[in-house]
């Protein structure tokens, strides 16, 4: 399996999952998500997938300082509707990591370990997303602005050819390389693309 080297340099997200411990998936309930695993689940790597990973990483670092985030104990709210823009892509990544879902998620065992009704859309917030710990009510708002990291102008020219299926193999390779170069630069400049507001 071949993929960009920078995937391996991105910080993983460590969680503790009481449900997985109870059901024997992981004896201690502890595991982690890498960016590579998220890319596999999404099927691609782009500024949106990267942003969803980044906002989740930063939010969980704040809500669970010096400890693993507890999967299933996190509510996530979005300003946009599920159908708007790239909300679906972002929410899928966040669900993968936190376990939070809307009404479609796991209903729990006699009221315990439920994952449904932990994700909401069309919420009256002024940021990209709000993450809240269920156990103590602590919240953090995150704004993600990938437009601050500009794509290479050559990439945009190549995209026009790609869309109309007129790009050569060399041009397709160049386009994909420049595409991932932007994703790499987003990860290298997290503090520039993310604004955090503790509540």
N, C-alpha and C. Protein backbone atom coordinates (compact mmCIF):
# COMPACT_ATOMS: atom_id res chain seq x y z
N UNK A 1 0.85 -1.19 0.00
CA UNK A 1 0.00 0.00 0.00
C UNK A 1 0.89 1.24 0.00
N UNK A 2 0.66 2.10 -0.96
CA UNK A 2 1.46 3.32 -1.10
C UNK A 2 0.61 4.54 -0.80
N UNK A 3 1.17 5.46 -0.03
CA UNK A 3 0.46 6.70 0.31
C UNK A 3 1.49 7.75 0.73
N UNK A 4 1.10 9.02 0.82
CA UNK A 4 2.05 10.07 1.16
C UNK A 4 2.71 9.85 2.53
N UNK A 5 4.00 10.08 2.59
CA UNK A 5 4.76 9.85 3.83
C UNK A 5 4.25 10.69 5.00
N UNK A 6 3.72 11.88 4.71
CA UNK A 6 3.34 12.75 5.82
C UNK A 6 2.17 12.20 6.63
N UNK A 7 1.41 11.27 6.07
CA UNK A 7 0.33 10.64 6.84
C UNK A 7 0.87 10.05 8.14
N UNK A 8 2.06 9.45 8.07
CA UNK A 8 2.64 8.79 9.24
C UNK A 8 3.14 9.75 10.31
N UNK A 9 3.27 11.01 9.95
CA UNK A 9 3.80 12.00 10.89
C UNK A 9 2.70 12.76 11.64
N UNK A 10 1.47 12.51 11.26
CA UNK A 10 0.34 13.21 11.89
C UNK A 10 -0.01 12.55 13.22
N UNK A 11 -0.21 13.37 14.22
CA UNK A 11 -0.52 12.86 15.56
C UNK A 11 -1.79 12.01 15.55
N UNK A 12 -1.74 10.88 16.20
CA UNK A 12 -2.92 10.01 16.28
C UNK A 12 -3.84 10.50 17.40
N UNK A 13 -5.08 10.04 17.37
CA UNK A 13 -6.07 10.41 18.38
C UNK A 13 -6.33 9.20 19.25
N UNK A 14 -5.99 9.29 20.51
CA UNK A 14 -6.11 8.16 21.45
C UNK A 14 -7.43 8.26 22.20
N UNK A 15 -8.14 7.15 22.26
CA UNK A 15 -9.43 7.12 22.95
C UNK A 15 -9.52 5.94 23.91
N UNK A 16 -10.47 6.04 24.80
CA UNK A 16 -10.86 4.92 25.67
C UNK A 16 -12.33 4.68 25.42
N UNK A 17 -12.69 3.45 25.14
CA UNK A 17 -14.06 3.12 24.75
C UNK A 17 -14.61 2.04 25.69
N UNK A 18 -15.42 2.45 26.67
CA UNK A 18 -15.96 1.48 27.63
C UNK A 18 -16.78 0.37 26.97
N UNK A 19 -17.47 0.69 25.87
CA UNK A 19 -18.27 -0.33 25.20
C UNK A 19 -17.38 -1.39 24.58
N UNK A 20 -16.30 -0.98 23.94
CA UNK A 20 -15.40 -1.96 23.32
C UNK A 20 -14.74 -2.83 24.38
N UNK A 21 -14.51 -2.25 25.55
CA UNK A 21 -13.93 -3.03 26.65
C UNK A 21 -14.93 -4.06 27.15
N UNK A 22 -16.17 -3.62 27.35
CA UNK A 22 -17.21 -4.52 27.84
C UNK A 22 -17.44 -5.70 26.90
N UNK A 23 -17.41 -5.41 25.59
CA UNK A 23 -17.72 -6.45 24.61
C UNK A 23 -16.48 -7.19 24.11
N UNK A 24 -15.34 -6.90 24.70
CA UNK A 24 -14.15 -7.67 24.43
C UNK A 24 -13.40 -7.34 23.16
N UNK A 25 -13.72 -6.21 22.52
CA UNK A 25 -12.99 -5.83 21.32
C UNK A 25 -11.55 -5.43 21.66
N UNK A 26 -11.42 -4.68 22.74
CA UNK A 26 -10.11 -4.29 23.27
C UNK A 26 -10.16 -4.51 24.78
N UNK A 27 -9.27 -5.31 25.31
CA UNK A 27 -9.34 -5.70 26.73
C UNK A 27 -9.38 -4.51 27.68
N UNK A 28 -8.62 -3.46 27.34
CA UNK A 28 -8.61 -2.30 28.21
C UNK A 28 -9.45 -1.14 27.66
N UNK A 29 -10.08 -1.38 26.53
CA UNK A 29 -10.91 -0.34 25.91
C UNK A 29 -10.12 0.79 25.29
N UNK A 30 -8.82 0.62 25.19
CA UNK A 30 -7.98 1.69 24.68
C UNK A 30 -7.47 1.39 23.27
N UNK A 31 -7.60 2.37 22.39
CA UNK A 31 -7.06 2.26 21.04
C UNK A 31 -6.88 3.66 20.48
N UNK A 32 -6.44 3.75 19.24
CA UNK A 32 -6.21 5.07 18.66
C UNK A 32 -6.54 5.08 17.18
N UNK A 33 -6.82 6.27 16.69
CA UNK A 33 -7.11 6.47 15.28
C UNK A 33 -5.97 7.27 14.65
N UNK A 34 -5.46 6.79 13.55
CA UNK A 34 -4.46 7.53 12.79
C UNK A 34 -5.16 8.24 11.64
N UNK A 35 -4.48 9.22 11.09
CA UNK A 35 -5.05 9.90 9.93
C UNK A 35 -5.19 8.93 8.76
N UNK A 36 -4.24 8.01 8.63
CA UNK A 36 -4.31 7.01 7.57
C UNK A 36 -5.60 6.20 7.67
N UNK A 37 -5.98 5.81 8.89
CA UNK A 37 -7.21 5.03 9.06
C UNK A 37 -8.44 5.85 8.67
N UNK A 38 -8.43 7.14 8.98
CA UNK A 38 -9.54 8.00 8.62
C UNK A 38 -9.61 8.16 7.11
N UNK A 39 -8.47 8.28 6.47
CA UNK A 39 -8.43 8.38 5.01
C UNK A 39 -9.00 7.11 4.38
N UNK A 40 -8.66 5.97 4.93
CA UNK A 40 -9.21 4.71 4.41
C UNK A 40 -10.73 4.71 4.52
N UNK A 41 -11.24 5.15 5.66
CA UNK A 41 -12.69 5.16 5.87
C UNK A 41 -13.38 6.15 4.94
N UNK A 42 -12.75 7.30 4.74
CA UNK A 42 -13.34 8.33 3.87
C UNK A 42 -13.14 8.01 2.40
N UNK A 43 -12.08 7.28 2.10
CA UNK A 43 -11.78 6.95 0.72
C UNK A 43 -10.89 7.97 0.02
N UNK A 44 -10.53 9.03 0.74
CA UNK A 44 -9.67 10.04 0.14
C UNK A 44 -9.13 10.97 1.23
N UNK A 45 -8.11 11.73 0.85
CA UNK A 45 -7.53 12.74 1.74
C UNK A 45 -7.68 14.10 1.06
N UNK A 46 -8.28 15.03 1.76
CA UNK A 46 -8.52 16.37 1.20
C UNK A 46 -8.57 17.37 2.35
N UNK A 47 -8.64 18.68 2.06
CA UNK A 47 -8.72 19.67 3.14
C UNK A 47 -9.92 19.46 4.07
N UNK A 48 -11.01 18.92 3.54
CA UNK A 48 -12.18 18.68 4.38
C UNK A 48 -11.96 17.53 5.35
N UNK A 49 -11.47 16.41 4.86
CA UNK A 49 -11.18 15.27 5.73
C UNK A 49 -10.11 15.65 6.76
N UNK A 50 -9.08 16.35 6.29
CA UNK A 50 -8.03 16.81 7.20
C UNK A 50 -8.61 17.73 8.27
N UNK A 51 -9.49 18.64 7.86
CA UNK A 51 -10.09 19.57 8.81
C UNK A 51 -10.94 18.88 9.85
N UNK A 52 -11.72 17.88 9.42
CA UNK A 52 -12.54 17.13 10.37
C UNK A 52 -11.66 16.43 11.39
N UNK A 53 -10.55 15.87 10.92
CA UNK A 53 -9.61 15.20 11.82
C UNK A 53 -8.99 16.20 12.78
N UNK A 54 -8.58 17.35 12.25
CA UNK A 54 -7.92 18.36 13.06
C UNK A 54 -8.83 18.94 14.14
N UNK A 55 -10.07 19.28 13.78
CA UNK A 55 -10.94 19.88 14.79
C UNK A 55 -11.27 18.87 15.89
N UNK A 56 -11.37 17.61 15.52
CA UNK A 56 -11.63 16.58 16.52
C UNK A 56 -10.42 16.39 17.42
N UNK A 57 -9.25 16.33 16.82
CA UNK A 57 -8.01 16.21 17.58
C UNK A 57 -7.86 17.34 18.58
N UNK A 58 -8.02 18.58 18.12
CA UNK A 58 -7.81 19.74 18.99
C UNK A 58 -8.89 19.83 20.08
N UNK A 59 -10.14 19.53 19.71
CA UNK A 59 -11.22 19.60 20.70
C UNK A 59 -11.01 18.58 21.81
N UNK A 60 -10.63 17.36 21.45
CA UNK A 60 -10.45 16.31 22.44
C UNK A 60 -9.24 16.57 23.31
N UNK A 61 -8.22 17.20 22.76
CA UNK A 61 -7.05 17.56 23.57
C UNK A 61 -7.45 18.54 24.68
N UNK A 62 -8.36 19.44 24.36
CA UNK A 62 -8.79 20.44 25.34
C UNK A 62 -9.77 19.84 26.35
N UNK A 63 -10.69 19.04 25.88
CA UNK A 63 -11.70 18.46 26.77
C UNK A 63 -11.13 17.36 27.66
N UNK A 64 -10.08 16.70 27.18
CA UNK A 64 -9.47 15.60 27.95
C UNK A 64 -7.96 15.84 28.07
N UNK A 65 -7.56 16.87 28.80
CA UNK A 65 -6.12 17.17 28.91
C UNK A 65 -5.35 16.04 29.58
N UNK A 66 -4.26 15.65 28.96
CA UNK A 66 -3.37 14.62 29.52
C UNK A 66 -4.06 13.28 29.76
N UNK A 67 -5.12 13.00 29.01
CA UNK A 67 -5.79 11.71 29.15
C UNK A 67 -6.50 11.36 27.84
N UNK A 68 -6.90 10.11 27.72
CA UNK A 68 -7.61 9.66 26.54
C UNK A 68 -9.06 10.17 26.56
N UNK A 69 -9.52 10.58 25.40
CA UNK A 69 -10.93 10.96 25.29
C UNK A 69 -11.79 9.71 25.43
N UNK A 70 -12.95 9.87 26.03
CA UNK A 70 -13.86 8.73 26.23
C UNK A 70 -14.85 8.69 25.08
N UNK A 71 -14.70 7.70 24.24
CA UNK A 71 -15.57 7.55 23.08
C UNK A 71 -16.99 7.21 23.54
N UNK A 72 -17.97 7.94 23.01
CA UNK A 72 -19.35 7.76 23.43
C UNK A 72 -19.77 8.74 24.50
N UNK A 73 -18.84 9.56 24.98
CA UNK A 73 -19.13 10.55 26.02
C UNK A 73 -19.02 11.98 25.46
N UNK A 74 -19.15 12.10 24.13
CA UNK A 74 -18.92 13.39 23.49
C UNK A 74 -20.10 13.75 22.59
N UNK A 75 -20.67 14.91 22.84
CA UNK A 75 -21.73 15.45 21.97
C UNK A 75 -21.09 16.43 20.99
N UNK A 76 -21.53 16.39 19.73
CA UNK A 76 -20.97 17.26 18.71
C UNK A 76 -22.10 18.00 18.00
N UNK A 77 -21.93 19.32 17.88
CA UNK A 77 -22.94 20.16 17.23
C UNK A 77 -22.32 20.94 16.08
N UNK A 78 -23.07 21.04 14.98
CA UNK A 78 -22.60 21.76 13.81
C UNK A 78 -23.54 22.92 13.48
N UNK A 79 -22.97 23.97 12.97
CA UNK A 79 -23.76 25.13 12.57
C UNK A 79 -24.58 24.84 11.32
N UNK A 80 -23.99 24.10 10.39
CA UNK A 80 -24.64 23.84 9.11
C UNK A 80 -25.57 22.63 9.18
N UNK A 81 -26.43 22.52 8.18
CA UNK A 81 -27.30 21.35 8.08
C UNK A 81 -26.49 20.17 7.55
N UNK A 82 -26.99 18.98 7.74
CA UNK A 82 -26.31 17.78 7.27
C UNK A 82 -26.16 17.78 5.76
N UNK A 83 -27.13 18.37 5.06
CA UNK A 83 -27.13 18.36 3.61
C UNK A 83 -26.27 19.46 3.00
N UNK A 84 -25.84 20.40 3.81
CA UNK A 84 -25.13 21.57 3.29
C UNK A 84 -23.65 21.30 3.07
N UNK A 85 -23.17 21.72 1.90
CA UNK A 85 -21.74 21.68 1.63
C UNK A 85 -21.10 20.33 1.92
N UNK A 86 -20.06 20.38 2.76
CA UNK A 86 -19.30 19.16 3.10
C UNK A 86 -19.61 18.67 4.52
N UNK A 87 -20.75 19.07 5.05
CA UNK A 87 -21.11 18.68 6.42
C UNK A 87 -21.14 17.16 6.59
N UNK A 88 -21.64 16.46 5.58
CA UNK A 88 -21.73 15.01 5.69
C UNK A 88 -20.36 14.36 5.79
N UNK A 89 -19.41 14.86 5.00
CA UNK A 89 -18.05 14.32 5.05
C UNK A 89 -17.43 14.56 6.42
N UNK A 90 -17.59 15.78 6.91
CA UNK A 90 -17.02 16.14 8.21
C UNK A 90 -17.65 15.31 9.32
N UNK A 91 -18.96 15.22 9.31
CA UNK A 91 -19.65 14.50 10.39
C UNK A 91 -19.29 13.01 10.39
N UNK A 92 -19.09 12.44 9.20
CA UNK A 92 -18.69 11.02 9.14
C UNK A 92 -17.34 10.79 9.81
N UNK A 93 -16.40 11.69 9.58
CA UNK A 93 -15.08 11.58 10.21
C UNK A 93 -15.20 11.72 11.72
N UNK A 94 -15.96 12.73 12.16
CA UNK A 94 -16.14 12.97 13.59
C UNK A 94 -16.82 11.78 14.25
N UNK A 95 -17.82 11.21 13.59
CA UNK A 95 -18.50 10.02 14.12
C UNK A 95 -17.53 8.86 14.26
N UNK A 96 -16.71 8.67 13.26
CA UNK A 96 -15.75 7.57 13.28
C UNK A 96 -14.85 7.63 14.52
N UNK A 97 -14.47 8.85 14.88
CA UNK A 97 -13.53 9.02 16.00
C UNK A 97 -14.24 9.06 17.35
N UNK A 98 -15.31 9.83 17.44
CA UNK A 98 -15.96 10.05 18.75
C UNK A 98 -17.08 9.06 19.05
N UNK A 99 -17.63 8.44 18.00
CA UNK A 99 -18.77 7.56 18.19
C UNK A 99 -20.10 8.29 18.15
N UNK A 100 -20.07 9.61 18.23
CA UNK A 100 -21.31 10.39 18.25
C UNK A 100 -22.05 10.30 16.92
N UNK A 101 -23.36 10.04 16.98
CA UNK A 101 -24.19 10.01 15.78
C UNK A 101 -25.49 10.74 16.07
N UNK A 102 -26.28 10.92 15.01
CA UNK A 102 -27.61 11.52 15.21
C UNK A 102 -28.56 10.41 15.67
N UNK A 103 -29.70 10.28 15.07
CA UNK A 103 -30.66 9.26 15.52
C UNK A 103 -30.33 7.87 15.00
N UNK A 104 -29.33 7.77 14.11
CA UNK A 104 -29.05 6.49 13.46
C UNK A 104 -28.10 5.59 14.23
N UNK A 105 -27.52 6.09 15.31
CA UNK A 105 -26.47 5.34 16.00
C UNK A 105 -26.95 4.26 16.95
N UNK A 106 -25.98 3.62 17.58
CA UNK A 106 -26.22 2.53 18.51
C UNK A 106 -27.13 2.98 19.66
N UNK A 107 -28.15 2.19 19.95
CA UNK A 107 -29.15 2.58 20.95
C UNK A 107 -28.75 2.22 22.37
N UNK A 108 -27.65 1.49 22.52
CA UNK A 108 -27.15 1.21 23.86
C UNK A 108 -27.65 -0.10 24.44
N UNK A 109 -27.19 -0.38 25.66
CA UNK A 109 -27.59 -1.57 26.40
C UNK A 109 -28.29 -1.12 27.68
N UNK A 110 -29.61 -1.20 27.66
CA UNK A 110 -30.41 -0.77 28.80
C UNK A 110 -30.05 0.66 29.23
N UNK A 111 -29.91 1.53 28.20
CA UNK A 111 -29.63 2.93 28.49
C UNK A 111 -28.16 3.28 28.64
N UNK A 112 -27.29 2.28 28.63
CA UNK A 112 -25.86 2.55 28.73
C UNK A 112 -25.18 2.42 27.37
N UNK A 113 -24.13 3.20 27.19
CA UNK A 113 -23.27 3.13 26.00
C UNK A 113 -23.96 3.57 24.71
N UNK A 114 -25.08 4.26 24.79
CA UNK A 114 -25.75 4.69 23.57
C UNK A 114 -24.91 5.73 22.84
N UNK A 115 -24.96 5.70 21.52
CA UNK A 115 -24.20 6.63 20.70
C UNK A 115 -25.12 7.53 19.87
N UNK A 116 -26.41 7.22 19.86
CA UNK A 116 -27.33 8.03 19.06
C UNK A 116 -27.67 9.33 19.80
N UNK A 117 -28.19 10.30 19.05
CA UNK A 117 -28.61 11.59 19.60
C UNK A 117 -27.47 12.32 20.31
N UNK A 118 -26.26 12.14 19.78
CA UNK A 118 -25.10 12.86 20.28
C UNK A 118 -24.52 13.79 19.22
N UNK A 119 -25.19 13.88 18.07
CA UNK A 119 -24.73 14.77 17.01
C UNK A 119 -25.92 15.56 16.48
N UNK A 120 -25.72 16.87 16.38
CA UNK A 120 -26.80 17.77 15.97
C UNK A 120 -26.33 18.73 14.89
N UNK A 121 -27.26 19.12 14.03
CA UNK A 121 -26.99 20.05 12.94
C UNK A 121 -27.93 21.25 13.05
N UNK A 122 -27.62 22.31 12.29
CA UNK A 122 -28.43 23.54 12.33
C UNK A 122 -28.48 24.14 13.73
N UNK A 123 -27.36 24.07 14.43
CA UNK A 123 -27.29 24.61 15.79
C UNK A 123 -26.89 26.08 15.73
N UNK A 124 -27.45 26.87 16.63
CA UNK A 124 -27.18 28.31 16.65
C UNK A 124 -25.83 28.60 17.31
N UNK A 125 -24.76 28.35 16.56
CA UNK A 125 -23.41 28.66 17.02
C UNK A 125 -22.71 29.44 15.91
N UNK A 126 -21.64 30.13 16.26
CA UNK A 126 -20.93 30.96 15.28
C UNK A 126 -19.61 30.34 14.83
N UNK A 127 -19.43 29.07 15.13
CA UNK A 127 -18.19 28.39 14.79
C UNK A 127 -18.49 27.15 13.94
N UNK A 128 -17.44 26.47 13.50
CA UNK A 128 -17.64 25.28 12.67
C UNK A 128 -18.31 24.16 13.44
N UNK A 129 -17.90 23.97 14.70
CA UNK A 129 -18.45 22.87 15.50
C UNK A 129 -18.26 23.14 16.99
N UNK A 130 -19.08 22.50 17.78
CA UNK A 130 -18.96 22.54 19.25
C UNK A 130 -18.90 21.11 19.77
N UNK A 131 -17.89 20.83 20.57
CA UNK A 131 -17.72 19.51 21.19
C UNK A 131 -17.99 19.66 22.68
N UNK A 132 -18.79 18.76 23.24
CA UNK A 132 -19.16 18.84 24.65
C UNK A 132 -19.02 17.48 25.33
N UNK A 133 -18.37 17.47 26.49
CA UNK A 133 -18.32 16.25 27.30
C UNK A 133 -19.67 16.04 27.98
N UNK A 134 -20.22 14.86 27.85
CA UNK A 134 -21.52 14.55 28.45
C UNK A 134 -21.42 14.50 29.97
N UNK A 135 -20.30 14.00 30.49
CA UNK A 135 -20.21 13.78 31.93
C UNK A 135 -20.09 15.06 32.75
N UNK A 136 -19.43 16.08 32.21
CA UNK A 136 -19.25 17.30 33.01
C UNK A 136 -19.74 18.58 32.33
N UNK A 137 -20.21 18.47 31.09
CA UNK A 137 -20.77 19.62 30.40
C UNK A 137 -19.76 20.60 29.82
N UNK A 138 -18.48 20.31 29.94
CA UNK A 138 -17.47 21.21 29.40
C UNK A 138 -17.52 21.19 27.87
N UNK A 139 -17.41 22.39 27.28
CA UNK A 139 -17.51 22.50 25.82
C UNK A 139 -16.36 23.31 25.25
N UNK A 140 -16.12 23.08 23.96
CA UNK A 140 -15.15 23.87 23.22
C UNK A 140 -15.69 24.09 21.81
N UNK A 141 -15.57 25.33 21.34
CA UNK A 141 -15.97 25.67 19.98
C UNK A 141 -14.73 25.73 19.09
N UNK A 142 -14.86 25.20 17.88
CA UNK A 142 -13.74 25.14 16.95
C UNK A 142 -14.16 25.74 15.61
N UNK A 143 -13.31 26.61 15.08
CA UNK A 143 -13.51 27.14 13.73
C UNK A 143 -12.35 26.71 12.85
N UNK A 144 -12.67 26.14 11.71
CA UNK A 144 -11.65 25.65 10.78
C UNK A 144 -11.70 26.47 9.51
N UNK A 145 -10.55 27.01 9.10
CA UNK A 145 -10.47 27.89 7.92
C UNK A 145 -9.36 27.44 6.98
N UNK A 146 -9.60 26.43 6.15
CA UNK A 146 -8.55 25.90 5.26
C UNK A 146 -8.17 26.87 4.15
N UNK A 147 -9.03 27.84 3.84
CA UNK A 147 -8.74 28.77 2.75
C UNK A 147 -7.49 29.60 3.02
N UNK A 148 -7.04 29.63 4.27
CA UNK A 148 -5.83 30.37 4.60
C UNK A 148 -4.59 29.70 4.02
N UNK A 149 -4.70 28.42 3.71
CA UNK A 149 -3.59 27.68 3.07
C UNK A 149 -3.96 27.51 1.61
N UNK A 150 -3.37 28.33 0.78
CA UNK A 150 -3.76 28.38 -0.63
C UNK A 150 -3.22 27.19 -1.42
N UNK A 151 -4.00 26.72 -2.38
CA UNK A 151 -3.49 25.67 -3.26
C UNK A 151 -2.46 26.24 -4.22
N UNK A 152 -1.58 25.40 -4.70
CA UNK A 152 -0.63 25.81 -5.72
C UNK A 152 -1.41 26.22 -6.98
N UNK A 153 -1.12 27.39 -7.56
CA UNK A 153 -1.85 27.84 -8.75
C UNK A 153 -1.82 26.81 -9.89
N UNK A 154 -0.74 26.07 -9.99
CA UNK A 154 -0.63 25.06 -11.04
C UNK A 154 -1.69 23.97 -10.83
N UNK A 155 -1.96 23.65 -9.57
CA UNK A 155 -2.96 22.63 -9.27
C UNK A 155 -4.33 23.03 -9.80
N UNK A 156 -4.66 24.29 -9.65
CA UNK A 156 -5.97 24.76 -10.10
C UNK A 156 -6.08 24.68 -11.63
N UNK A 157 -4.98 24.95 -12.32
CA UNK A 157 -4.98 24.83 -13.77
C UNK A 157 -5.13 23.36 -14.20
N UNK A 158 -4.43 22.50 -13.48
CA UNK A 158 -4.53 21.08 -13.79
C UNK A 158 -5.92 20.53 -13.51
N UNK A 159 -6.57 21.05 -12.47
CA UNK A 159 -7.90 20.58 -12.12
C UNK A 159 -8.88 20.77 -13.28
N UNK A 160 -8.73 21.86 -14.01
CA UNK A 160 -9.62 22.11 -15.15
C UNK A 160 -9.50 20.99 -16.17
N UNK A 161 -8.27 20.54 -16.40
CA UNK A 161 -8.05 19.44 -17.35
C UNK A 161 -8.57 18.12 -16.78
N UNK A 162 -8.38 17.92 -15.48
CA UNK A 162 -8.83 16.69 -14.84
C UNK A 162 -10.35 16.56 -14.94
N UNK A 163 -11.04 17.65 -14.68
CA UNK A 163 -12.51 17.62 -14.67
C UNK A 163 -13.07 17.25 -16.04
N UNK A 164 -12.45 17.76 -17.09
CA UNK A 164 -12.96 17.46 -18.44
C UNK A 164 -12.25 16.26 -19.07
N UNK A 165 -11.49 15.54 -18.26
CA UNK A 165 -10.81 14.31 -18.67
C UNK A 165 -9.85 14.53 -19.85
N UNK A 166 -9.11 15.63 -19.78
CA UNK A 166 -8.12 15.92 -20.81
C UNK A 166 -6.70 15.91 -20.26
N UNK A 167 -6.52 15.51 -19.00
CA UNK A 167 -5.19 15.50 -18.40
C UNK A 167 -4.42 14.25 -18.81
N UNK A 168 -3.13 14.42 -19.06
CA UNK A 168 -2.27 13.29 -19.35
C UNK A 168 -1.94 12.55 -18.05
N UNK A 169 -1.31 11.41 -18.16
CA UNK A 169 -0.93 10.66 -16.96
C UNK A 169 0.03 11.47 -16.09
N UNK A 170 0.96 12.15 -16.74
CA UNK A 170 1.90 12.99 -15.99
C UNK A 170 1.17 14.12 -15.27
N UNK A 171 0.20 14.69 -15.95
CA UNK A 171 -0.57 15.78 -15.35
C UNK A 171 -1.44 15.27 -14.20
N UNK A 172 -1.98 14.07 -14.33
CA UNK A 172 -2.77 13.48 -13.24
C UNK A 172 -1.89 13.24 -12.01
N UNK A 173 -0.68 12.76 -12.25
CA UNK A 173 0.25 12.53 -11.14
C UNK A 173 0.64 13.86 -10.48
N UNK A 174 0.90 14.86 -11.29
CA UNK A 174 1.26 16.18 -10.76
C UNK A 174 0.11 16.76 -9.94
N UNK A 175 -1.10 16.62 -10.47
CA UNK A 175 -2.28 17.13 -9.77
C UNK A 175 -2.44 16.47 -8.40
N UNK A 176 -2.36 15.15 -8.36
CA UNK A 176 -2.54 14.44 -7.10
C UNK A 176 -1.44 14.81 -6.10
N UNK A 177 -0.23 15.01 -6.59
CA UNK A 177 0.89 15.39 -5.71
C UNK A 177 0.66 16.77 -5.11
N UNK A 178 0.22 17.70 -5.94
CA UNK A 178 -0.03 19.06 -5.45
C UNK A 178 -1.24 19.09 -4.52
N UNK A 179 -2.22 18.23 -4.79
CA UNK A 179 -3.40 18.15 -3.92
C UNK A 179 -2.98 17.74 -2.51
N UNK A 180 -2.19 16.69 -2.41
CA UNK A 180 -1.75 16.22 -1.10
C UNK A 180 -0.73 17.17 -0.47
N UNK A 181 -0.01 17.93 -1.29
CA UNK A 181 0.89 18.93 -0.75
C UNK A 181 0.12 19.98 0.04
N UNK A 182 -1.04 20.36 -0.45
CA UNK A 182 -1.85 21.33 0.29
C UNK A 182 -2.35 20.73 1.61
N UNK A 183 -2.79 19.49 1.57
CA UNK A 183 -3.22 18.83 2.80
C UNK A 183 -2.07 18.79 3.80
N UNK A 184 -0.89 18.46 3.32
CA UNK A 184 0.30 18.42 4.18
C UNK A 184 0.56 19.78 4.81
N UNK A 185 0.45 20.84 4.02
CA UNK A 185 0.69 22.19 4.54
C UNK A 185 -0.37 22.61 5.55
N UNK A 186 -1.58 22.11 5.38
CA UNK A 186 -2.63 22.38 6.38
C UNK A 186 -2.24 21.78 7.72
N UNK A 187 -1.78 20.55 7.71
CA UNK A 187 -1.35 19.91 8.96
C UNK A 187 -0.12 20.60 9.56
N UNK A 188 0.73 21.12 8.70
CA UNK A 188 1.93 21.81 9.19
C UNK A 188 1.62 23.19 9.78
N UNK A 189 0.43 23.69 9.48
CA UNK A 189 0.05 25.03 9.95
C UNK A 189 -1.29 25.01 10.69
N UNK A 190 -1.44 24.02 11.56
CA UNK A 190 -2.71 23.85 12.28
C UNK A 190 -3.12 25.11 13.03
N UNK A 191 -2.16 25.76 13.67
CA UNK A 191 -2.51 26.96 14.45
C UNK A 191 -3.04 28.09 13.60
N UNK A 192 -2.75 28.07 12.30
CA UNK A 192 -3.24 29.10 11.39
C UNK A 192 -4.63 28.80 10.85
N UNK A 193 -5.01 27.54 10.84
CA UNK A 193 -6.30 27.17 10.24
C UNK A 193 -7.38 26.87 11.27
N UNK A 194 -7.00 26.84 12.53
CA UNK A 194 -7.96 26.51 13.60
C UNK A 194 -8.01 27.61 14.65
N UNK A 195 -9.22 27.99 14.99
CA UNK A 195 -9.45 28.94 16.09
C UNK A 195 -10.26 28.22 17.16
N UNK A 196 -9.80 28.30 18.40
CA UNK A 196 -10.42 27.57 19.50
C UNK A 196 -11.00 28.54 20.52
N UNK A 197 -12.24 28.26 20.92
CA UNK A 197 -12.89 29.08 21.96
C UNK A 197 -13.38 28.16 23.07
N UNK A 198 -12.75 28.24 24.23
CA UNK A 198 -13.21 27.45 25.37
C UNK A 198 -14.45 28.11 25.96
N UNK A 199 -15.43 27.30 26.31
CA UNK A 199 -16.68 27.84 26.86
C UNK A 199 -16.74 27.65 28.36
